[in-house]
Amino acid sequence: MPYVPDYTINIGGVFLSMCEVAGKDIEYVFYNLEKIISKNLETIISESMKNNETLFESSERIIAKRMRMKQ
């Protein structure tokens, strides 16, 4: 079973809370969570293969880049 750090795909609680505040229904939440998580996993797997690194290494690099972009 492949390992991906939980912070790369575990956004459900935060996203649900944001959607509740915005008045979105549960179908909206599930539909968009599936898209977000799938996109994150595809990015991690693609980067891992391209750079010949583990999924963990790719995840760490991707999240570090995203964090720098938000500063």
PDB file of N, CA and C in Angstrom:
ATOM      1  N   MET A   1       0.835  -1.176   0.000  1.00  0.00           N
ATOM      2  CA  MET A   1       0.000   0.000   0.000  1.00  0.00           C
ATOM      3  C   MET A   1       0.887   1.249   0.000  1.00  0.00           C
ATOM      4  N   PRO A   2       0.675   2.163  -0.931  1.00  0.00           N
ATOM      5  CA  PRO A   2       1.484   3.390  -0.980  1.00  0.00           C
ATOM      6  C   PRO A   2       1.205   4.286   0.228  1.00  0.00           C
ATOM      7  N   TYR A   3       2.213   5.019   0.634  1.00  0.00           N
ATOM      8  CA  TYR A   3       2.075   5.942   1.752  1.00  0.00           C
ATOM      9  C   TYR A   3       2.174   7.373   1.249  1.00  0.00           C
ATOM     10  N   VAL A   4       1.207   8.183   1.624  1.00  0.00           N
ATOM     11  CA  VAL A   4       1.226   9.616   1.355  1.00  0.00           C
ATOM     12  C   VAL A   4       0.924  10.294   2.686  1.00  0.00           C
ATOM     13  N   PRO A   5       1.718  11.290   3.082  1.00  0.00           N
ATOM     14  CA  PRO A   5       1.453  11.956   4.361  1.00  0.00           C
ATOM     15  C   PRO A   5       0.014  12.483   4.434  1.00  0.00           C
ATOM     16  N   ASP A   6      -0.569  12.371   5.609  1.00  0.00           N
ATOM     17  CA  ASP A   6      -1.972  12.752   5.757  1.00  0.00           C
ATOM     18  C   ASP A   6      -2.248  14.204   5.406  1.00  0.00           C
ATOM     19  N   TYR A   7      -1.293  15.097   5.628  1.00  0.00           N
ATOM     20  CA  TYR A   7      -1.544  16.514   5.344  1.00  0.00           C
ATOM     21  C   TYR A   7      -1.714  16.793   3.855  1.00  0.00           C
ATOM     22  N   THR A   8      -1.340  15.865   3.004  1.00  0.00           N
ATOM     23  CA  THR A   8      -1.483  16.097   1.566  1.00  0.00           C
ATOM     24  C   THR A   8      -2.883  15.768   1.071  1.00  0.00           C
ATOM     25  N   ILE A   9      -3.628  14.956   1.808  1.00  0.00           N
ATOM     26  CA  ILE A   9      -4.970  14.575   1.353  1.00  0.00           C
ATOM     27  C   ILE A   9      -6.041  14.749   2.416  1.00  0.00           C
ATOM     28  N   ASN A  10      -5.686  15.001   3.653  1.00  0.00           N
ATOM     29  CA  ASN A  10      -6.651  15.049   4.746  1.00  0.00           C
ATOM     30  C   ASN A  10      -7.162  16.475   4.945  1.00  0.00           C
ATOM     31  N   ILE A  11      -8.041  16.895   4.057  1.00  0.00           N
ATOM     32  CA  ILE A  11      -8.569  18.254   4.138  1.00  0.00           C
ATOM     33  C   ILE A  11     -10.068  18.270   4.403  1.00  0.00           C
ATOM     34  N   GLY A  12     -10.642  17.115   4.602  1.00  0.00           N
ATOM     35  CA  GLY A  12     -12.094  16.999   4.697  1.00  0.00           C
ATOM     36  C   GLY A  12     -12.736  17.845   5.772  1.00  0.00           C
ATOM     37  N   GLY A  13     -12.198  17.833   6.981  1.00  0.00           N
ATOM     38  CA  GLY A  13     -12.802  18.572   8.078  1.00  0.00           C
ATOM     39  C   GLY A  13     -12.795  20.067   7.852  1.00  0.00           C
ATOM     40  N   VAL A  14     -11.674  20.582   7.431  1.00  0.00           N
ATOM     41  CA  VAL A  14     -11.564  22.020   7.175  1.00  0.00           C
ATOM     42  C   VAL A  14     -12.470  22.420   6.018  1.00  0.00           C
ATOM     43  N   PHE A  15     -12.452  21.639   4.965  1.00  0.00           N
ATOM     44  CA  PHE A  15     -13.278  21.952   3.797  1.00  0.00           C
ATOM     45  C   PHE A  15     -14.761  21.895   4.155  1.00  0.00           C
ATOM     46  N   LEU A  16     -15.155  20.898   4.925  1.00  0.00           N
ATOM     47  CA  LEU A  16     -16.545  20.787   5.351  1.00  0.00           C
ATOM     48  C   LEU A  16     -16.962  22.023   6.147  1.00  0.00           C
ATOM     49  N   SER A  17     -16.124  22.451   7.068  1.00  0.00           N
ATOM     50  CA  SER A  17     -16.428  23.635   7.871  1.00  0.00           C
ATOM     51  C   SER A  17     -16.584  24.873   6.997  1.00  0.00           C
ATOM     52  N   MET A  18     -15.681  25.041   6.042  1.00  0.00           N
ATOM     53  CA  MET A  18     -15.767  26.186   5.136  1.00  0.00           C
ATOM     54  C   MET A  18     -17.062  26.147   4.333  1.00  0.00           C
ATOM     55  N   CYS A  19     -17.441  24.975   3.884  1.00  0.00           N
ATOM     56  CA  CYS A  19     -18.662  24.827   3.083  1.00  0.00           C
ATOM     57  C   CYS A  19     -19.913  25.072   3.918  1.00  0.00           C
ATOM     58  N   GLU A  20     -19.889  24.637   5.178  1.00  0.00           N
ATOM     59  CA  GLU A  20     -21.031  24.887   6.055  1.00  0.00           C
ATOM     60  C   GLU A  20     -21.247  26.381   6.247  1.00  0.00           C
ATOM     61  N   VAL A  21     -20.164  27.114   6.465  1.00  0.00           N
ATOM     62  CA  VAL A  21     -20.256  28.562   6.637  1.00  0.00           C
ATOM     63  C   VAL A  21     -20.797  29.217   5.365  1.00  0.00           C
ATOM     64  N   ALA A  22     -20.401  28.690   4.212  1.00  0.00           N
ATOM     65  CA  ALA A  22     -20.832  29.246   2.929  1.00  0.00           C
ATOM     66  C   ALA A  22     -22.210  28.743   2.502  1.00  0.00           C
ATOM     67  N   GLY A  23     -22.807  27.848   3.299  1.00  0.00           N
ATOM     68  CA  GLY A  23     -24.142  27.349   2.991  1.00  0.00           C
ATOM     69  C   GLY A  23     -24.189  26.288   1.908  1.00  0.00           C
ATOM     70  N   LYS A  24     -23.085  25.602   1.693  1.00  0.00           N
ATOM     71  CA  LYS A  24     -23.049  24.538   0.673  1.00  0.00           C
ATOM     72  C   LYS A  24     -23.616  23.239   1.236  1.00  0.00           C
ATOM     73  N   ASP A  25     -24.210  22.425   0.371  1.00  0.00           N
ATOM     74  CA  ASP A  25     -24.763  21.150   0.827  1.00  0.00           C
ATOM     75  C   ASP A  25     -23.705  20.051   0.781  1.00  0.00           C
ATOM     76  N   ILE A  26     -24.046  18.912   1.374  1.00  0.00           N
ATOM     77  CA  ILE A  26     -23.087  17.816   1.522  1.00  0.00           C
ATOM     78  C   ILE A  26     -22.674  17.216   0.181  1.00  0.00           C
ATOM     79  N   GLU A  27     -23.547  17.238  -0.807  1.00  0.00           N
ATOM     80  CA  GLU A  27     -23.180  16.741  -2.138  1.00  0.00           C
ATOM     81  C   GLU A  27     -22.071  17.587  -2.736  1.00  0.00           C
ATOM     82  N   TYR A  28     -22.166  18.886  -2.537  1.00  0.00           N
ATOM     83  CA  TYR A  28     -21.113  19.804  -3.001  1.00  0.00           C
ATOM     84  C   TYR A  28     -19.781  19.450  -2.344  1.00  0.00           C
ATOM     85  N   VAL A  29     -19.825  19.207  -1.034  1.00  0.00           N
ATOM     86  CA  VAL A  29     -18.613  18.874  -0.284  1.00  0.00           C
ATOM     87  C   VAL A  29     -17.980  17.602  -0.828  1.00  0.00           C
ATOM     88  N   PHE A  30     -18.760  16.522  -0.935  1.00  0.00           N
ATOM     89  CA  PHE A  30     -18.210  15.249  -1.396  1.00  0.00           C
ATOM     90  C   PHE A  30     -17.680  15.345  -2.820  1.00  0.00           C
ATOM     91  N   TYR A  31     -18.431  15.989  -3.698  1.00  0.00           N
ATOM     92  CA  TYR A  31     -18.013  16.133  -5.090  1.00  0.00           C
ATOM     93  C   TYR A  31     -16.669  16.860  -5.186  1.00  0.00           C
ATOM     94  N   ASN A  32     -16.542  17.965  -4.483  1.00  0.00           N
ATOM     95  CA  ASN A  32     -15.321  18.750  -4.566  1.00  0.00           C
ATOM     96  C   ASN A  32     -14.156  18.126  -3.813  1.00  0.00           C
ATOM     97  N   LEU A  33     -14.429  17.464  -2.701  1.00  0.00           N
ATOM     98  CA  LEU A  33     -13.347  16.769  -1.989  1.00  0.00           C
ATOM     99  C   LEU A  33     -12.729  15.688  -2.863  1.00  0.00           C
ATOM    100  N   GLU A  34     -13.579  14.955  -3.562  1.00  0.00           N
ATOM    101  CA  GLU A  34     -13.062  13.906  -4.448  1.00  0.00           C
ATOM    102  C   GLU A  34     -12.147  14.509  -5.516  1.00  0.00           C
ATOM    103  N   LYS A  35     -12.557  15.628  -6.082  1.00  0.00           N
ATOM    104  CA  LYS A  35     -11.731  16.283  -7.107  1.00  0.00           C
ATOM    105  C   LYS A  35     -10.413  16.789  -6.522  1.00  0.00           C
ATOM    106  N   ILE A  36     -10.473  17.422  -5.365  1.00  0.00           N
ATOM    107  CA  ILE A  36      -9.272  17.990  -4.742  1.00  0.00           C
ATOM    108  C   ILE A  36      -8.289  16.885  -4.365  1.00  0.00           C
ATOM    109  N   ILE A  37      -8.784  15.854  -3.702  1.00  0.00           N
ATOM    110  CA  ILE A  37      -7.902  14.769  -3.262  1.00  0.00           C
ATOM    111  C   ILE A  37      -7.317  14.027  -4.465  1.00  0.00           C
ATOM    112  N   SER A  38      -8.132  13.775  -5.475  1.00  0.00           N
ATOM    113  CA  SER A  38      -7.638  13.102  -6.686  1.00  0.00           C
ATOM    114  C   SER A  38      -6.543  13.918  -7.356  1.00  0.00           C
ATOM    115  N   LYS A  39      -6.765  15.221  -7.461  1.00  0.00           N
ATOM    116  CA  LYS A  39      -5.758  16.096  -8.076  1.00  0.00           C
ATOM    117  C   LYS A  39      -4.462  16.085  -7.268  1.00  0.00           C
ATOM    118  N   ASN A  40      -4.566  16.167  -5.939  1.00  0.00           N
ATOM    119  CA  ASN A  40      -3.369  16.128  -5.098  1.00  0.00           C
ATOM    120  C   ASN A  40      -2.606  14.822  -5.283  1.00  0.00           C
ATOM    121  N   LEU A  41      -3.323  13.704  -5.289  1.00  0.00           N
ATOM    122  CA  LEU A  41      -2.663  12.404  -5.461  1.00  0.00           C
ATOM    123  C   LEU A  41      -2.015  12.281  -6.840  1.00  0.00           C
ATOM    124  N   GLU A  42      -2.706  12.723  -7.874  1.00  0.00           N
ATOM    125  CA  GLU A  42      -2.137  12.683  -9.226  1.00  0.00           C
ATOM    126  C   GLU A  42      -0.861  13.509  -9.295  1.00  0.00           C
ATOM    127  N   THR A  43      -0.866  14.678  -8.681  1.00  0.00           N
ATOM    128  CA  THR A  43       0.324  15.537  -8.667  1.00  0.00           C
ATOM    129  C   THR A  43       1.477  14.860  -7.941  1.00  0.00           C
ATOM    130  N   ILE A  44       1.203  14.302  -6.782  1.00  0.00           N
ATOM    131  CA  ILE A  44       2.245  13.646  -5.991  1.00  0.00           C
ATOM    132  C   ILE A  44       2.826  12.452  -6.742  1.00  0.00           C
ATOM    133  N   ILE A  45       1.975  11.614  -7.299  1.00  0.00           N
ATOM    134  CA  ILE A  45       2.444  10.431  -8.023  1.00  0.00           C
ATOM    135  C   ILE A  45       3.247  10.834  -9.259  1.00  0.00           C
ATOM    136  N   SER A  46       2.754  11.806  -9.992  1.00  0.00           N
ATOM    137  CA  SER A  46       3.451  12.271 -11.192  1.00  0.00           C
ATOM    138  C   SER A  46       4.832  12.833 -10.846  1.00  0.00           C
ATOM    139  N   GLU A  47       4.879  13.677  -9.825  1.00  0.00           N
ATOM    140  CA  GLU A  47       6.162  14.262  -9.407  1.00  0.00           C
ATOM    141  C   GLU A  47       7.122  13.192  -8.899  1.00  0.00           C
ATOM    142  N   SER A  48       6.594  12.221  -8.203  1.00  0.00           N
ATOM    143  CA  SER A  48       7.412  11.132  -7.692  1.00  0.00           C
ATOM    144  C   SER A  48       8.072  10.356  -8.828  1.00  0.00           C
ATOM    145  N   MET A  49       7.279  10.040  -9.828  1.00  0.00           N
ATOM    146  CA  MET A  49       7.811   9.293 -10.968  1.00  0.00           C
ATOM    147  C   MET A  49       8.805  10.143 -11.771  1.00  0.00           C
ATOM    148  N   LYS A  50       8.463  11.401 -11.983  1.00  0.00           N
ATOM    149  CA  LYS A  50       9.314  12.298 -12.769  1.00  0.00           C
ATOM    150  C   LYS A  50      10.666  12.513 -12.101  1.00  0.00           C
ATOM    151  N   ASN A  51      10.673  12.618 -10.775  1.00  0.00           N
ATOM    152  CA  ASN A  51      11.895  12.920 -10.039  1.00  0.00           C
ATOM    153  C   ASN A  51      12.542  11.708  -9.381  1.00  0.00           C
ATOM    154  N   ASN A  52      11.995  10.517  -9.661  1.00  0.00           N
ATOM    155  CA  ASN A  52      12.532   9.278  -9.090  1.00  0.00           C
ATOM    156  C   ASN A  52      12.695   9.389  -7.569  1.00  0.00           C
ATOM    157  N   GLU A  53      11.588   9.748  -6.911  1.00  0.00           N
ATOM    158  CA  GLU A  53      11.607   9.891  -5.465  1.00  0.00           C
ATOM    159  C   GLU A  53      10.376   9.212  -4.877  1.00  0.00           C
ATOM    160  N   THR A  54      10.377   9.041  -3.572  1.00  0.00           N
ATOM    161  CA  THR A  54       9.235   8.406  -2.927  1.00  0.00           C
ATOM    162  C   THR A  54       8.043   9.367  -2.899  1.00  0.00           C
ATOM    163  N   LEU A  55       6.868   8.811  -2.652  1.00  0.00           N
ATOM    164  CA  LEU A  55       5.677   9.646  -2.526  1.00  0.00           C
ATOM    165  C   LEU A  55       5.829  10.622  -1.356  1.00  0.00           C
ATOM    166  N   PHE A  56       6.458  10.160  -0.289  1.00  0.00           N
ATOM    167  CA  PHE A  56       6.713  11.030   0.860  1.00  0.00           C
ATOM    168  C   PHE A  56       7.612  12.195   0.464  1.00  0.00           C
ATOM    169  N   GLU A  57       8.698  11.905  -0.243  1.00  0.00           N
ATOM    170  CA  GLU A  57       9.614  12.974  -0.661  1.00  0.00           C
ATOM    171  C   GLU A  57       8.913  13.980  -1.569  1.00  0.00           C
ATOM    172  N   SER A  58       8.118  13.489  -2.498  1.00  0.00           N
ATOM    173  CA  SER A  58       7.376  14.380  -3.385  1.00  0.00           C
ATOM    174  C   SER A  58       6.392  15.234  -2.590  1.00  0.00           C
ATOM    175  N   SER A  59       5.683  14.609  -1.679  1.00  0.00           N
ATOM    176  CA  SER A  59       4.724  15.340  -0.857  1.00  0.00           C
ATOM    177  C   SER A  59       5.400  16.450  -0.067  1.00  0.00           C
ATOM    178  N   GLU A  60       6.517  16.132   0.549  1.00  0.00           N
ATOM    179  CA  GLU A  60       7.254  17.121   1.335  1.00  0.00           C
ATOM    180  C   GLU A  60       7.693  18.303   0.468  1.00  0.00           C
ATOM    181  N   ARG A  61       8.206  18.012  -0.715  1.00  0.00           N
ATOM    182  CA  ARG A  61       8.682  19.065  -1.606  1.00  0.00           C
ATOM    183  C   ARG A  61       7.523  19.927  -2.093  1.00  0.00           C
ATOM    184  N   ILE A  62       6.421  19.297  -2.470  1.00  0.00           N
ATOM    185  CA  ILE A  62       5.263  20.024  -2.988  1.00  0.00           C
ATOM    186  C   ILE A  62       4.665  20.922  -1.909  1.00  0.00           C
ATOM    187  N   ILE A  63       4.496  20.393  -0.705  1.00  0.00           N
ATOM    188  CA  ILE A  63       3.894  21.192   0.357  1.00  0.00           C
ATOM    189  C   ILE A  63       4.819  22.331   0.766  1.00  0.00           C
ATOM    190  N   ALA A  64       6.126  22.102   0.770  1.00  0.00           N
ATOM    191  CA  ALA A  64       7.075  23.174   1.099  1.00  0.00           C
ATOM    192  C   ALA A  64       6.971  24.300   0.065  1.00  0.00           C
ATOM    193  N   LYS A  65       6.847  23.934  -1.193  1.00  0.00           N
ATOM    194  CA  LYS A  65       6.704  24.942  -2.245  1.00  0.00           C
ATOM    195  C   LYS A  65       5.409  25.727  -2.064  1.00  0.00           C
ATOM    196  N   ARG A  66       4.317  25.031  -1.774  1.00  0.00           N
ATOM    197  CA  ARG A  66       3.025  25.704  -1.573  1.00  0.00           C
ATOM    198  C   ARG A  66       3.079  26.641  -0.386  1.00  0.00           C
ATOM    199  N   MET A  67       3.743  26.237   0.679  1.00  0.00           N
ATOM    200  CA  MET A  67       3.840  27.074   1.860  1.00  0.00           C
ATOM    201  C   MET A  67       4.648  28.337   1.561  1.00  0.00           C
ATOM    202  N   ARG A  68       5.718  28.217   0.773  1.00  0.00           N
ATOM    203  CA  ARG A  68       6.513  29.395   0.402  1.00  0.00           C
ATOM    204  C   ARG A  68       5.682  30.347  -0.440  1.00  0.00           C
ATOM    205  N   MET A  69       4.832  29.812  -1.311  1.00  0.00           N
ATOM    206  CA  MET A  69       4.008  30.637  -2.202  1.00  0.00           C
ATOM    207  C   MET A  69       2.976  31.430  -1.417  1.00  0.00           C
ATOM    208  N   LYS A  70       2.535  30.940  -0.270  1.00  0.00           N
ATOM    209  CA  LYS A  70       1.502  31.606   0.514  1.00  0.00           C
ATOM    210  C   LYS A  70       2.058  32.694   1.421  1.00  0.00           C
ATOM    211  N   GLN A  71       3.365  32.786   1.525  1.00  0.00           N
ATOM    212  CA  GLN A  71       3.970  33.789   2.423  1.00  0.00           C
ATOM    213  C   GLN A  71       4.095  35.121   1.745  1.00  0.00           C
TER     214      GLN A  71
END
